[in-house]
């Protein structure tokens, strides 16, 4: 069941989102979907330690019965919650994605290769087109992926330019895990050195990057 189904099911079960026995404590006035968000956040914050229905009920300001009903909905929707008798409910850790092979990194989705490079700190080779249309191949020490108002960026140390750069993900035509893992550079120093203003909205004739994008 997706978020839309969960929302519809939640509202059909209890349109007002309130516990039958009373208010919703610190979350009074929220609908059930918002309460589900808070419930998931509480489970994630506590993991790997379990929380009992009573503890969750106290934090949400609802009854234990309401908590159990909400958990049933979330579990039915695919949330990996295990209930331990006498101990409570625990959100199991999400399995780490399998490491990408070099071949898979080359032919797979660019975003997946960049995410794998950031996780593993492996040097990634990019086929990149800058805002002027110039194409280049770059070896980049990846630091993080950043979502801006109008685009997503890879932040890293460009070995070709010997300095920090931001690369618009939608301008990376292909990516390849080309090297071994490297030590992480100082991220504060990287972002301070970039001094990139907020990206501007794309023009009608094609995407435009930040004023000081990768060159």
C-alpha atoms as a PDB file:
ATOM      1  CA  UNK A   1       0.000   0.000   0.000  1.00  0.00           C
ATOM      2  CA  UNK A   2       1.435   3.380  -0.972  1.00  0.00           C
ATOM      3  CA  UNK A   3       1.131   6.731   0.840  1.00  0.00           C
ATOM      4  CA  UNK A   4      -2.098   7.558  -1.020  1.00  0.00           C
ATOM      5  CA  UNK A   5      -3.656   4.272   0.031  1.00  0.00           C
ATOM      6  CA  UNK A   6      -2.490   4.734   3.602  1.00  0.00           C
ATOM      7  CA  UNK A   7      -3.985   8.220   3.672  1.00  0.00           C
ATOM      8  CA  UNK A   8      -7.316   7.022   2.297  1.00  0.00           C
ATOM      9  CA  UNK A   9      -7.420   4.045   4.660  1.00  0.00           C
ATOM     10  CA  UNK A  10      -6.501   6.246   7.597  1.00  0.00           C
ATOM     11  CA  UNK A  11      -9.255   8.738   6.881  1.00  0.00           C
ATOM     12  CA  UNK A  12     -11.854   6.068   6.278  1.00  0.00           C
ATOM     13  CA  UNK A  13     -11.030   4.466   9.620  1.00  0.00           C
ATOM     14  CA  UNK A  14     -11.058   7.697  11.569  1.00  0.00           C
ATOM     15  CA  UNK A  15     -11.721  10.828   9.499  1.00  0.00           C
ATOM     16  CA  UNK A  16     -10.805  13.211  12.292  1.00  0.00           C
ATOM     17  CA  UNK A  17      -7.622  11.360  13.169  1.00  0.00           C
ATOM     18  CA  UNK A  18      -8.407  11.548  16.883  1.00  0.00           C
ATOM     19  CA  UNK A  19      -8.363   8.854  19.469  1.00  0.00           C
ATOM     20  CA  UNK A  20     -11.844   7.784  20.537  1.00  0.00           C
ATOM     21  CA  UNK A  21     -10.934   8.158  24.191  1.00  0.00           C
ATOM     22  CA  UNK A  22      -9.749  11.732  24.052  1.00  0.00           C
ATOM     23  CA  UNK A  23      -7.363  14.260  22.515  1.00  0.00           C
ATOM     24  CA  UNK A  24      -3.989  13.685  20.963  1.00  0.00           C
ATOM     25  CA  UNK A  25      -1.737  15.373  23.521  1.00  0.00           C
ATOM     26  CA  UNK A  26       1.134  17.378  22.046  1.00  0.00           C
ATOM     27  CA  UNK A  27      -0.136  16.508  18.580  1.00  0.00           C
ATOM     28  CA  UNK A  28      -3.697  17.686  19.119  1.00  0.00           C
ATOM     29  CA  UNK A  29      -5.423  18.687  15.926  1.00  0.00           C
ATOM     30  CA  UNK A  30      -3.272  16.592  13.598  1.00  0.00           C
ATOM     31  CA  UNK A  31      -4.956  14.082  11.331  1.00  0.00           C
ATOM     32  CA  UNK A  32      -4.084  10.412  11.421  1.00  0.00           C
ATOM     33  CA  UNK A  33      -1.553  10.615   8.621  1.00  0.00           C
ATOM     34  CA  UNK A  34       0.445  13.183  10.586  1.00  0.00           C
ATOM     35  CA  UNK A  35       0.240  10.932  13.632  1.00  0.00           C
ATOM     36  CA  UNK A  36       1.625   8.063  11.548  1.00  0.00           C
ATOM     37  CA  UNK A  37       4.555  10.268  10.556  1.00  0.00           C
ATOM     38  CA  UNK A  38       5.291  11.025  14.208  1.00  0.00           C
ATOM     39  CA  UNK A  39       4.940   7.352  15.106  1.00  0.00           C
ATOM     40  CA  UNK A  40       7.477   6.307  12.454  1.00  0.00           C
ATOM     41  CA  UNK A  41       9.849   9.051  13.605  1.00  0.00           C
ATOM     42  CA  UNK A  42       9.641   7.821  17.204  1.00  0.00           C
ATOM     43  CA  UNK A  43      10.394   4.236  16.145  1.00  0.00           C
ATOM     44  CA  UNK A  44      13.352   5.323  14.024  1.00  0.00           C
ATOM     45  CA  UNK A  45      14.770   7.487  16.786  1.00  0.00           C
ATOM     46  CA  UNK A  46      14.588   4.598  19.259  1.00  0.00           C
ATOM     47  CA  UNK A  47      15.915   1.864  16.938  1.00  0.00           C
ATOM     48  CA  UNK A  48      17.391  -0.624  17.530  1.00  0.00           C
ATOM     49  CA  UNK A  49      15.724  -0.433  20.962  1.00  0.00           C
ATOM     50  CA  UNK A  50      12.021  -1.375  21.110  1.00  0.00           C
ATOM     51  CA  UNK A  51       9.215   0.833  22.364  1.00  0.00           C
ATOM     52  CA  UNK A  52       6.097  -0.548  24.016  1.00  0.00           C
ATOM     53  CA  UNK A  53       2.618   0.434  22.924  1.00  0.00           C
ATOM     54  CA  UNK A  54       2.256   2.265  26.226  1.00  0.00           C
ATOM     55  CA  UNK A  55       5.409   4.312  25.677  1.00  0.00           C
ATOM     56  CA  UNK A  56       4.330   5.246  22.170  1.00  0.00           C
ATOM     57  CA  UNK A  57       0.837   6.072  23.363  1.00  0.00           C
ATOM     58  CA  UNK A  58       2.228   8.403  26.028  1.00  0.00           C
ATOM     59  CA  UNK A  59       4.434  10.185  23.515  1.00  0.00           C
ATOM     60  CA  UNK A  60       1.610  10.587  21.009  1.00  0.00           C
ATOM     61  CA  UNK A  61      -1.072  11.386  23.550  1.00  0.00           C
ATOM     62  CA  UNK A  62      -3.379   8.597  22.387  1.00  0.00           C
ATOM     63  CA  UNK A  63      -4.415   5.210  23.707  1.00  0.00           C
ATOM     64  CA  UNK A  64      -2.334   2.044  23.363  1.00  0.00           C
ATOM     65  CA  UNK A  65      -5.156   0.604  21.295  1.00  0.00           C
ATOM     66  CA  UNK A  66      -4.819   3.454  18.818  1.00  0.00           C
ATOM     67  CA  UNK A  67      -1.072   2.845  18.609  1.00  0.00           C
ATOM     68  CA  UNK A  68      -1.606  -0.839  17.877  1.00  0.00           C
ATOM     69  CA  UNK A  69      -4.150   0.018  15.197  1.00  0.00           C
ATOM     70  CA  UNK A  70      -1.745   2.491  13.609  1.00  0.00           C
ATOM     71  CA  UNK A  71       1.079  -0.055  13.689  1.00  0.00           C
ATOM     72  CA  UNK A  72      -1.117  -2.611  11.947  1.00  0.00           C
ATOM     73  CA  UNK A  73      -1.753  -0.103   9.164  1.00  0.00           C
ATOM     74  CA  UNK A  74       1.950   0.700   8.791  1.00  0.00           C
ATOM     75  CA  UNK A  75       3.008  -2.949   8.817  1.00  0.00           C
ATOM     76  CA  UNK A  76       0.371  -3.731   6.210  1.00  0.00           C
ATOM     77  CA  UNK A  77       1.837  -0.892   4.119  1.00  0.00           C
ATOM     78  CA  UNK A  78       5.311  -2.441   4.281  1.00  0.00           C
ATOM     79  CA  UNK A  79       7.007  -0.786   7.264  1.00  0.00           C
ATOM     80  CA  UNK A  80       9.437  -3.381   8.723  1.00  0.00           C
ATOM     81  CA  UNK A  81       8.274  -3.369  12.348  1.00  0.00           C
ATOM     82  CA  UNK A  82       8.775  -6.401  14.581  1.00  0.00           C
ATOM     83  CA  UNK A  83       6.755  -6.873  17.734  1.00  0.00           C
ATOM     84  CA  UNK A  84       8.591  -8.560  20.585  1.00  0.00           C
ATOM     85  CA  UNK A  85       6.403 -10.038  23.273  1.00  0.00           C
ATOM     86  CA  UNK A  86       6.959  -8.274  26.540  1.00  0.00           C
ATOM     87  CA  UNK A  87       9.402  -5.790  25.003  1.00  0.00           C
ATOM     88  CA  UNK A  88       7.467  -3.780  22.442  1.00  0.00           C
ATOM     89  CA  UNK A  89       7.902  -2.789  18.821  1.00  0.00           C
ATOM     90  CA  UNK A  90      11.154  -2.207  16.976  1.00  0.00           C
ATOM     91  CA  UNK A  91      11.830  -0.862  13.520  1.00  0.00           C
ATOM     92  CA  UNK A  92      14.290  -3.196  11.823  1.00  0.00           C
ATOM     93  CA  UNK A  93      17.274  -1.727  10.039  1.00  0.00           C
ATOM     94  CA  UNK A  94      16.926  -1.245   6.322  1.00  0.00           C
ATOM     95  CA  UNK A  95      19.347  -3.504   4.474  1.00  0.00           C
ATOM     96  CA  UNK A  96      22.286  -1.726   2.898  1.00  0.00           C
ATOM     97  CA  UNK A  97      22.171  -1.730  -0.889  1.00  0.00           C
ATOM     98  CA  UNK A  98      24.606  -4.185  -2.451  1.00  0.00           C
ATOM     99  CA  UNK A  99      27.871  -2.651  -3.655  1.00  0.00           C
ATOM    100  CA  UNK A 100      27.910  -1.698  -7.309  1.00  0.00           C
ATOM    101  CA  UNK A 101      30.370  -3.407  -9.578  1.00  0.00           C
ATOM    102  CA  UNK A 102      32.345  -1.233 -11.965  1.00  0.00           C
ATOM    103  CA  UNK A 103      30.344  -2.554 -14.913  1.00  0.00           C
ATOM    104  CA  UNK A 104      27.016  -1.951 -13.168  1.00  0.00           C
ATOM    105  CA  UNK A 105      28.074   1.576 -12.214  1.00  0.00           C
ATOM    106  CA  UNK A 106      28.758   2.384 -15.864  1.00  0.00           C
ATOM    107  CA  UNK A 107      25.515   1.069 -17.357  1.00  0.00           C
ATOM    108  CA  UNK A 108      23.135   1.737 -14.468  1.00  0.00           C
ATOM    109  CA  UNK A 109      21.279   4.936 -13.565  1.00  0.00           C
ATOM    110  CA  UNK A 110      23.654   7.851 -12.992  1.00  0.00           C
ATOM    111  CA  UNK A 111      21.977   8.802  -9.709  1.00  0.00           C
ATOM    112  CA  UNK A 112      22.553   5.291  -8.316  1.00  0.00           C
ATOM    113  CA  UNK A 113      26.246   5.414  -9.258  1.00  0.00           C
ATOM    114  CA  UNK A 114      26.696   8.819  -7.619  1.00  0.00           C
ATOM    115  CA  UNK A 115      24.949   7.654  -4.438  1.00  0.00           C
ATOM    116  CA  UNK A 116      27.172   4.561  -4.335  1.00  0.00           C
ATOM    117  CA  UNK A 117      30.254   6.731  -4.836  1.00  0.00           C
ATOM    118  CA  UNK A 118      29.255   8.989  -1.936  1.00  0.00           C
ATOM    119  CA  UNK A 119      28.580   6.024   0.362  1.00  0.00           C
ATOM    120  CA  UNK A 120      31.847   4.287  -0.461  1.00  0.00           C
ATOM    121  CA  UNK A 121      33.979   7.441  -0.942  1.00  0.00           C
ATOM    122  CA  UNK A 122      35.213   5.977  -4.221  1.00  0.00           C
ATOM    123  CA  UNK A 123      36.482   8.257  -6.946  1.00  0.00           C
ATOM    124  CA  UNK A 124      33.866   8.581  -9.669  1.00  0.00           C
ATOM    125  CA  UNK A 125      34.590   9.456 -13.290  1.00  0.00           C
ATOM    126  CA  UNK A 126      32.004  11.714 -14.909  1.00  0.00           C
ATOM    127  CA  UNK A 127      31.051  12.569 -18.459  1.00  0.00           C
ATOM    128  CA  UNK A 128      29.933  16.128 -17.749  1.00  0.00           C
ATOM    129  CA  UNK A 129      28.444  18.929 -19.832  1.00  0.00           C
ATOM    130  CA  UNK A 130      28.723  22.400 -18.316  1.00  0.00           C
ATOM    131  CA  UNK A 131      26.242  25.230 -18.800  1.00  0.00           C
ATOM    132  CA  UNK A 132      28.074  26.490 -21.896  1.00  0.00           C
ATOM    133  CA  UNK A 133      27.738  23.086 -23.555  1.00  0.00           C
ATOM    134  CA  UNK A 134      31.405  22.095 -23.191  1.00  0.00           C
ATOM    135  CA  UNK A 135      31.929  18.408 -22.485  1.00  0.00           C
ATOM    136  CA  UNK A 136      34.663  16.944 -20.313  1.00  0.00           C
ATOM    137  CA  UNK A 137      35.661  13.835 -18.393  1.00  0.00           C
ATOM    138  CA  UNK A 138      36.245  14.465 -14.687  1.00  0.00           C
ATOM    139  CA  UNK A 139      37.622  12.362 -11.860  1.00  0.00           C
ATOM    140  CA  UNK A 140      35.815  13.517  -8.725  1.00  0.00           C
ATOM    141  CA  UNK A 141      36.247  12.652  -5.064  1.00  0.00           C
ATOM    142  CA  UNK A 142      32.575  12.628  -4.034  1.00  0.00           C
ATOM    143  CA  UNK A 143      31.486  14.219  -0.778  1.00  0.00           C
ATOM    144  CA  UNK A 144      27.693  14.468  -0.849  1.00  0.00           C
ATOM    145  CA  UNK A 145      24.590  14.944  -2.956  1.00  0.00           C
ATOM    146  CA  UNK A 146      22.733  18.212  -2.373  1.00  0.00           C
ATOM    147  CA  UNK A 147      19.185  18.990  -3.438  1.00  0.00           C
ATOM    148  CA  UNK A 148      18.790  22.644  -4.427  1.00  0.00           C
ATOM    149  CA  UNK A 149      15.621  24.556  -5.315  1.00  0.00           C
ATOM    150  CA  UNK A 150      15.889  23.720  -9.012  1.00  0.00           C
ATOM    151  CA  UNK A 151      18.351  20.841  -9.338  1.00  0.00           C
ATOM    152  CA  UNK A 152      20.368  18.202  -7.513  1.00  0.00           C
ATOM    153  CA  UNK A 153      24.154  18.536  -7.264  1.00  0.00           C
ATOM    154  CA  UNK A 154      27.149  16.328  -6.589  1.00  0.00           C
ATOM    155  CA  UNK A 155      29.608  18.134  -4.337  1.00  0.00           C
ATOM    156  CA  UNK A 156      33.172  16.921  -4.531  1.00  0.00           C
ATOM    157  CA  UNK A 157      36.830  17.574  -5.217  1.00  0.00           C
ATOM    158  CA  UNK A 158      37.494  17.788  -8.958  1.00  0.00           C
ATOM    159  CA  UNK A 159      40.920  16.356  -9.717  1.00  0.00           C
ATOM    160  CA  UNK A 160      41.017  18.002 -13.140  1.00  0.00           C
ATOM    161  CA  UNK A 161      40.525  21.472 -11.619  1.00  0.00           C
ATOM    162  CA  UNK A 162      42.277  20.574  -8.363  1.00  0.00           C
ATOM    163  CA  UNK A 163      39.544  22.206  -6.343  1.00  0.00           C
ATOM    164  CA  UNK A 164      36.005  21.875  -4.996  1.00  0.00           C
ATOM    165  CA  UNK A 165      33.189  21.835  -7.492  1.00  0.00           C
ATOM    166  CA  UNK A 166      29.428  21.267  -7.723  1.00  0.00           C
ATOM    167  CA  UNK A 167      28.108  19.212 -10.625  1.00  0.00           C
ATOM    168  CA  UNK A 168      24.482  19.300 -11.691  1.00  0.00           C
ATOM    169  CA  UNK A 169      23.269  15.719 -11.702  1.00  0.00           C
ATOM    170  CA  UNK A 170      21.097  16.267 -14.781  1.00  0.00           C
ATOM    171  CA  UNK A 171      24.213  17.334 -16.710  1.00  0.00           C
ATOM    172  CA  UNK A 172      26.124  14.148 -15.924  1.00  0.00           C
ATOM    173  CA  UNK A 173      25.693  11.959 -18.973  1.00  0.00           C
ATOM    174  CA  UNK A 174      27.408   8.902 -17.498  1.00  0.00           C
ATOM    175  CA  UNK A 175      29.286   7.970 -14.328  1.00  0.00           C
ATOM    176  CA  UNK A 176      31.737   5.225 -13.478  1.00  0.00           C
ATOM    177  CA  UNK A 177      33.270   4.054 -10.196  1.00  0.00           C
ATOM    178  CA  UNK A 178      36.838   4.432 -11.396  1.00  0.00           C
ATOM    179  CA  UNK A 179      38.991   4.414  -8.288  1.00  0.00           C
ATOM    180  CA  UNK A 180      39.460   3.159  -4.783  1.00  0.00           C
ATOM    181  CA  UNK A 181      38.060   4.789  -1.677  1.00  0.00           C
ATOM    182  CA  UNK A 182      39.744   8.040  -0.629  1.00  0.00           C
ATOM    183  CA  UNK A 183      39.651   9.865   2.724  1.00  0.00           C
ATOM    184  CA  UNK A 184      36.837  12.366   3.058  1.00  0.00           C
ATOM    185  CA  UNK A 185      37.874  15.978   2.686  1.00  0.00           C
ATOM    186  CA  UNK A 186      36.745  18.733   5.030  1.00  0.00           C
ATOM    187  CA  UNK A 187      33.150  19.323   3.943  1.00  0.00           C
ATOM    188  CA  UNK A 188      32.934  22.718   5.661  1.00  0.00           C
ATOM    189  CA  UNK A 189      36.037  23.822   3.815  1.00  0.00           C
ATOM    190  CA  UNK A 190      34.636  22.520   0.548  1.00  0.00           C
ATOM    191  CA  UNK A 191      31.326  24.333   0.811  1.00  0.00           C
ATOM    192  CA  UNK A 192      33.005  27.520   2.051  1.00  0.00           C
ATOM    193  CA  UNK A 193      35.415  27.456  -0.884  1.00  0.00           C
ATOM    194  CA  UNK A 194      32.546  27.035  -3.349  1.00  0.00           C
ATOM    195  CA  UNK A 195      30.568  30.068  -2.125  1.00  0.00           C
ATOM    196  CA  UNK A 196      27.825  29.161  -4.604  1.00  0.00           C
ATOM    197  CA  UNK A 197      24.623  31.262  -4.476  1.00  0.00           C
ATOM    198  CA  UNK A 198      21.226  29.636  -4.681  1.00  0.00           C
ATOM    199  CA  UNK A 199      20.696  28.170  -8.155  1.00  0.00           C
ATOM    200  CA  UNK A 200      18.423  30.127 -10.461  1.00  0.00           C
ATOM    201  CA  UNK A 201      15.351  28.650 -12.088  1.00  0.00           C
ATOM    202  CA  UNK A 202      16.007  26.939 -15.433  1.00  0.00           C
ATOM    203  CA  UNK A 203      15.293  29.036 -18.524  1.00  0.00           C
ATOM    204  CA  UNK A 204      12.833  27.863 -21.136  1.00  0.00           C
ATOM    205  CA  UNK A 205      15.552  27.032 -23.643  1.00  0.00           C
ATOM    206  CA  UNK A 206      17.355  24.588 -21.356  1.00  0.00           C
ATOM    207  CA  UNK A 207      18.729  24.018 -17.854  1.00  0.00           C
ATOM    208  CA  UNK A 208      20.880  26.642 -16.227  1.00  0.00           C
ATOM    209  CA  UNK A 209      23.107  26.065 -13.237  1.00  0.00           C
ATOM    210  CA  UNK A 210      24.409  28.206 -10.419  1.00  0.00           C
ATOM    211  CA  UNK A 211      26.524  31.201 -11.294  1.00  0.00           C
ATOM    212  CA  UNK A 212      29.643  29.386 -10.282  1.00  0.00           C
ATOM    213  CA  UNK A 213      28.908  25.850 -11.390  1.00  0.00           C
ATOM    214  CA  UNK A 214      31.512  23.323 -12.410  1.00  0.00           C
ATOM    215  CA  UNK A 215      33.905  24.488 -15.113  1.00  0.00           C
END
